[in-house]
Amino acid sequence: MAGASLGARFYQRIKRHPGIIPMIGFICLGMGSAALYLLRLALRSPDVCWDRKNNPEPWNRLSPNDQYKFLAVSTDYKKLKKDRPDF
């Protein structure tokens, strides 16, 4: 086992202890979900500015009916009216 690669050692450990297979699955699912949520925050959030030359203040370009929250429990964004001035 000293000269075996990391994948071979992992496979041997899984064969010896099959009870850790669900744990590995849930850990991978959690890490994947966290990565996708961070990607969504980076691409969809109005607080993140990737292009400072063409769009220095991206939060000013949002219309009142843009939903940027992940979950809106009681707010219907389609019925909101504009109540702020244009800059």
N, C-alpha and C. Protein backbone atom coordinates (compact mmCIF):
# COMPACT_ATOMS: atom_id res chain seq x y z
N MET A 1 0.82 -1.19 0.00
CA MET A 1 0.00 0.00 0.00
C MET A 1 0.86 1.25 0.00
N ALA A 2 2.15 1.12 0.24
CA ALA A 2 3.03 2.28 0.30
C ALA A 2 3.25 2.86 -1.10
N GLY A 3 3.27 2.01 -2.12
CA GLY A 3 3.53 2.50 -3.46
C GLY A 3 2.27 2.76 -4.27
N ALA A 4 1.11 2.55 -3.68
CA ALA A 4 -0.15 2.71 -4.41
C ALA A 4 -0.49 4.19 -4.58
N SER A 5 -1.20 4.47 -5.63
CA SER A 5 -1.60 5.86 -5.88
C SER A 5 -2.75 6.25 -4.96
N LEU A 6 -3.09 7.51 -4.97
CA LEU A 6 -4.15 8.01 -4.10
C LEU A 6 -5.50 7.40 -4.46
N GLY A 7 -5.77 7.25 -5.74
CA GLY A 7 -7.04 6.65 -6.17
C GLY A 7 -7.16 5.20 -5.77
N ALA A 8 -6.05 4.45 -5.86
CA ALA A 8 -6.07 3.04 -5.48
C ALA A 8 -6.28 2.90 -3.97
N ARG A 9 -5.63 3.76 -3.18
CA ARG A 9 -5.82 3.70 -1.74
C ARG A 9 -7.25 4.06 -1.36
N PHE A 10 -7.82 5.05 -2.05
CA PHE A 10 -9.20 5.45 -1.80
C PHE A 10 -10.15 4.30 -2.12
N TYR A 11 -9.93 3.62 -3.24
CA TYR A 11 -10.78 2.51 -3.64
C TYR A 11 -10.68 1.35 -2.63
N GLN A 12 -9.48 1.07 -2.15
CA GLN A 12 -9.31 0.01 -1.16
C GLN A 12 -10.00 0.37 0.15
N ARG A 13 -9.94 1.63 0.54
CA ARG A 13 -10.60 2.06 1.78
C ARG A 13 -12.12 1.92 1.64
N ILE A 14 -12.64 2.26 0.47
CA ILE A 14 -14.09 2.15 0.24
C ILE A 14 -14.52 0.68 0.25
N LYS A 15 -13.69 -0.19 -0.32
CA LYS A 15 -14.02 -1.62 -0.30
C LYS A 15 -14.04 -2.17 1.12
N ARG A 16 -13.13 -1.67 1.97
CA ARG A 16 -13.07 -2.15 3.35
C ARG A 16 -14.20 -1.58 4.21
N HIS A 17 -14.61 -0.33 3.96
CA HIS A 17 -15.64 0.34 4.76
C HIS A 17 -16.73 0.90 3.84
N PRO A 18 -17.67 0.09 3.40
CA PRO A 18 -18.69 0.58 2.46
C PRO A 18 -19.68 1.55 3.10
N GLY A 19 -19.66 1.70 4.41
CA GLY A 19 -20.58 2.61 5.08
C GLY A 19 -20.23 4.07 4.86
N ILE A 20 -19.03 4.37 4.36
CA ILE A 20 -18.67 5.77 4.13
C ILE A 20 -19.08 6.26 2.75
N ILE A 21 -19.64 5.41 1.93
CA ILE A 21 -20.07 5.83 0.59
C ILE A 21 -21.17 6.89 0.65
N PRO A 22 -22.22 6.73 1.48
CA PRO A 22 -23.22 7.81 1.56
C PRO A 22 -22.65 9.11 2.11
N MET A 23 -21.72 9.00 3.07
CA MET A 23 -21.11 10.21 3.62
C MET A 23 -20.33 10.96 2.54
N ILE A 24 -19.60 10.25 1.72
CA ILE A 24 -18.85 10.89 0.64
C ILE A 24 -19.82 11.51 -0.37
N GLY A 25 -20.93 10.83 -0.62
CA GLY A 25 -21.92 11.38 -1.55
C GLY A 25 -22.53 12.68 -1.03
N PHE A 26 -22.88 12.71 0.26
CA PHE A 26 -23.48 13.92 0.82
C PHE A 26 -22.46 15.06 0.91
N ILE A 27 -21.22 14.74 1.19
CA ILE A 27 -20.18 15.78 1.22
C ILE A 27 -20.00 16.37 -0.18
N CYS A 28 -19.96 15.52 -1.19
CA CYS A 28 -19.82 16.02 -2.57
C CYS A 28 -21.04 16.84 -2.98
N LEU A 29 -22.24 16.41 -2.59
CA LEU A 29 -23.45 17.17 -2.89
C LEU A 29 -23.42 18.55 -2.22
N GLY A 30 -23.00 18.60 -0.97
CA GLY A 30 -22.91 19.88 -0.26
C GLY A 30 -21.88 20.80 -0.87
N MET A 31 -20.72 20.27 -1.23
CA MET A 31 -19.68 21.10 -1.84
C MET A 31 -20.12 21.61 -3.21
N GLY A 32 -20.79 20.77 -3.98
CA GLY A 32 -21.28 21.20 -5.28
C GLY A 32 -22.35 22.27 -5.16
N SER A 33 -23.26 22.10 -4.20
CA SER A 33 -24.30 23.11 -3.99
C SER A 33 -23.72 24.44 -3.55
N ALA A 34 -22.73 24.40 -2.67
CA ALA A 34 -22.09 25.63 -2.22
C ALA A 34 -21.36 26.33 -3.37
N ALA A 35 -20.71 25.55 -4.22
CA ALA A 35 -20.01 26.14 -5.36
C ALA A 35 -20.99 26.78 -6.34
N LEU A 36 -22.11 26.12 -6.60
CA LEU A 36 -23.10 26.69 -7.51
C LEU A 36 -23.74 27.94 -6.94
N TYR A 37 -23.97 27.98 -5.63
CA TYR A 37 -24.55 29.16 -5.00
C TYR A 37 -23.56 30.34 -5.05
N LEU A 38 -22.28 30.08 -4.83
CA LEU A 38 -21.28 31.15 -4.94
C LEU A 38 -21.18 31.66 -6.37
N LEU A 39 -21.29 30.77 -7.33
CA LEU A 39 -21.28 31.19 -8.73
C LEU A 39 -22.50 32.05 -9.05
N ARG A 40 -23.66 31.68 -8.52
CA ARG A 40 -24.87 32.47 -8.73
C ARG A 40 -24.72 33.85 -8.09
N LEU A 41 -24.16 33.91 -6.88
CA LEU A 41 -23.95 35.21 -6.23
C LEU A 41 -22.99 36.08 -7.03
N ALA A 42 -21.96 35.49 -7.58
CA ALA A 42 -20.97 36.26 -8.34
C ALA A 42 -21.53 36.78 -9.65
N LEU A 43 -22.45 36.06 -10.26
CA LEU A 43 -22.95 36.45 -11.58
C LEU A 43 -24.26 37.24 -11.54
N ARG A 44 -25.10 37.02 -10.54
CA ARG A 44 -26.43 37.62 -10.54
C ARG A 44 -26.62 38.75 -9.52
N SER A 45 -25.74 38.88 -8.56
CA SER A 45 -25.93 39.85 -7.49
C SER A 45 -25.61 41.26 -7.98
N PRO A 46 -26.43 42.25 -7.62
CA PRO A 46 -26.14 43.62 -8.04
C PRO A 46 -24.99 44.25 -7.23
N ASP A 47 -24.55 43.59 -6.19
CA ASP A 47 -23.45 44.11 -5.38
C ASP A 47 -22.08 43.83 -6.00
N VAL A 48 -22.01 42.95 -6.97
CA VAL A 48 -20.75 42.57 -7.59
C VAL A 48 -20.58 43.35 -8.89
N CYS A 49 -19.46 44.01 -9.03
CA CYS A 49 -19.18 44.80 -10.23
C CYS A 49 -17.98 44.21 -10.95
N TRP A 50 -18.20 43.57 -12.11
CA TRP A 50 -17.11 42.97 -12.86
C TRP A 50 -16.52 43.94 -13.87
N ASP A 51 -17.31 44.88 -14.37
CA ASP A 51 -16.86 45.80 -15.42
C ASP A 51 -17.03 47.23 -14.91
N ARG A 52 -15.96 47.81 -14.38
CA ARG A 52 -16.07 49.15 -13.80
C ARG A 52 -16.09 50.26 -14.85
N LYS A 53 -15.59 50.02 -16.04
CA LYS A 53 -15.58 51.07 -17.07
C LYS A 53 -16.96 51.30 -17.66
N ASN A 54 -17.63 50.23 -18.07
CA ASN A 54 -18.91 50.36 -18.75
C ASN A 54 -20.10 50.42 -17.79
N ASN A 55 -19.96 49.84 -16.62
CA ASN A 55 -21.07 49.80 -15.67
C ASN A 55 -20.52 49.97 -14.25
N PRO A 56 -20.16 51.19 -13.86
CA PRO A 56 -19.53 51.37 -12.55
C PRO A 56 -20.47 51.17 -11.37
N GLU A 57 -21.76 51.36 -11.55
CA GLU A 57 -22.73 51.19 -10.48
C GLU A 57 -23.87 50.29 -10.97
N PRO A 58 -23.71 48.99 -10.93
CA PRO A 58 -24.73 48.09 -11.49
C PRO A 58 -26.03 48.10 -10.71
N TRP A 59 -26.02 48.51 -9.47
CA TRP A 59 -27.25 48.52 -8.67
C TRP A 59 -28.21 49.62 -9.11
N ASN A 60 -27.70 50.65 -9.84
CA ASN A 60 -28.59 51.70 -10.33
C ASN A 60 -29.36 51.28 -11.58
N ARG A 61 -28.94 50.24 -12.24
CA ARG A 61 -29.62 49.79 -13.46
C ARG A 61 -30.73 48.78 -13.19
N LEU A 62 -30.95 48.44 -11.95
CA LEU A 62 -32.01 47.49 -11.63
C LEU A 62 -33.37 48.18 -11.68
N SER A 63 -34.31 47.54 -12.31
CA SER A 63 -35.67 48.06 -12.28
C SER A 63 -36.36 47.51 -11.03
N PRO A 64 -37.45 48.10 -10.61
CA PRO A 64 -38.10 47.64 -9.37
C PRO A 64 -38.62 46.21 -9.44
N ASN A 65 -38.89 45.70 -10.63
CA ASN A 65 -39.43 44.35 -10.71
C ASN A 65 -38.38 43.29 -11.02
N ASP A 66 -37.08 43.63 -10.87
CA ASP A 66 -36.02 42.63 -11.00
C ASP A 66 -35.88 41.88 -9.68
N GLN A 67 -35.98 40.58 -9.74
CA GLN A 67 -35.80 39.78 -8.53
C GLN A 67 -34.37 39.28 -8.50
N TYR A 68 -33.60 39.76 -7.56
CA TYR A 68 -32.23 39.30 -7.41
C TYR A 68 -32.02 38.51 -6.13
N LYS A 69 -33.05 38.44 -5.29
CA LYS A 69 -32.95 37.60 -4.10
C LYS A 69 -33.17 36.15 -4.49
N PHE A 70 -32.58 35.25 -3.72
CA PHE A 70 -32.70 33.83 -4.01
C PHE A 70 -34.12 33.33 -3.77
N LEU A 71 -34.75 33.81 -2.69
CA LEU A 71 -36.09 33.37 -2.35
C LEU A 71 -36.89 34.56 -1.87
N ALA A 72 -37.98 34.85 -2.52
CA ALA A 72 -38.87 35.94 -2.12
C ALA A 72 -40.14 35.32 -1.56
N VAL A 73 -40.33 35.43 -0.26
CA VAL A 73 -41.44 34.74 0.40
C VAL A 73 -42.76 35.45 0.14
N SER A 74 -42.82 36.75 0.41
CA SER A 74 -44.11 37.43 0.33
C SER A 74 -44.13 38.59 -0.66
N THR A 75 -43.05 38.84 -1.39
CA THR A 75 -42.99 39.97 -2.30
C THR A 75 -43.22 39.51 -3.73
N ASP A 76 -44.18 40.13 -4.39
CA ASP A 76 -44.41 39.87 -5.80
C ASP A 76 -43.73 40.99 -6.59
N TYR A 77 -42.62 40.68 -7.21
CA TYR A 77 -41.82 41.69 -7.88
C TYR A 77 -42.46 42.24 -9.14
N LYS A 78 -43.41 41.53 -9.70
CA LYS A 78 -44.06 41.99 -10.93
C LYS A 78 -45.00 43.16 -10.68
N LYS A 79 -45.49 43.31 -9.45
CA LYS A 79 -46.45 44.37 -9.14
C LYS A 79 -45.81 45.61 -8.55
N LEU A 80 -44.51 45.64 -8.37
CA LEU A 80 -43.86 46.79 -7.75
C LEU A 80 -43.77 47.97 -8.72
N LYS A 81 -43.92 49.16 -8.21
CA LYS A 81 -43.81 50.38 -9.00
C LYS A 81 -42.47 51.05 -8.71
N LYS A 82 -42.04 51.89 -9.61
CA LYS A 82 -40.78 52.60 -9.44
C LYS A 82 -41.00 53.78 -8.48
N ASP A 83 -40.25 53.80 -7.39
CA ASP A 83 -40.41 54.86 -6.40
C ASP A 83 -39.11 55.57 -6.10
N ARG A 84 -38.18 55.53 -7.03
CA ARG A 84 -36.89 56.18 -6.82
C ARG A 84 -36.51 56.99 -8.06
N PRO A 85 -35.67 57.98 -7.91
CA PRO A 85 -35.32 58.83 -9.06
C PRO A 85 -34.28 58.15 -9.96
N ASP A 86 -34.22 58.62 -11.19
CA ASP A 86 -33.20 58.16 -12.14
C ASP A 86 -31.92 58.95 -11.91
N PHE A 87 -30.80 58.26 -12.02
CA PHE A 87 -29.50 58.92 -11.90
C PHE A 87 -28.76 58.88 -13.21
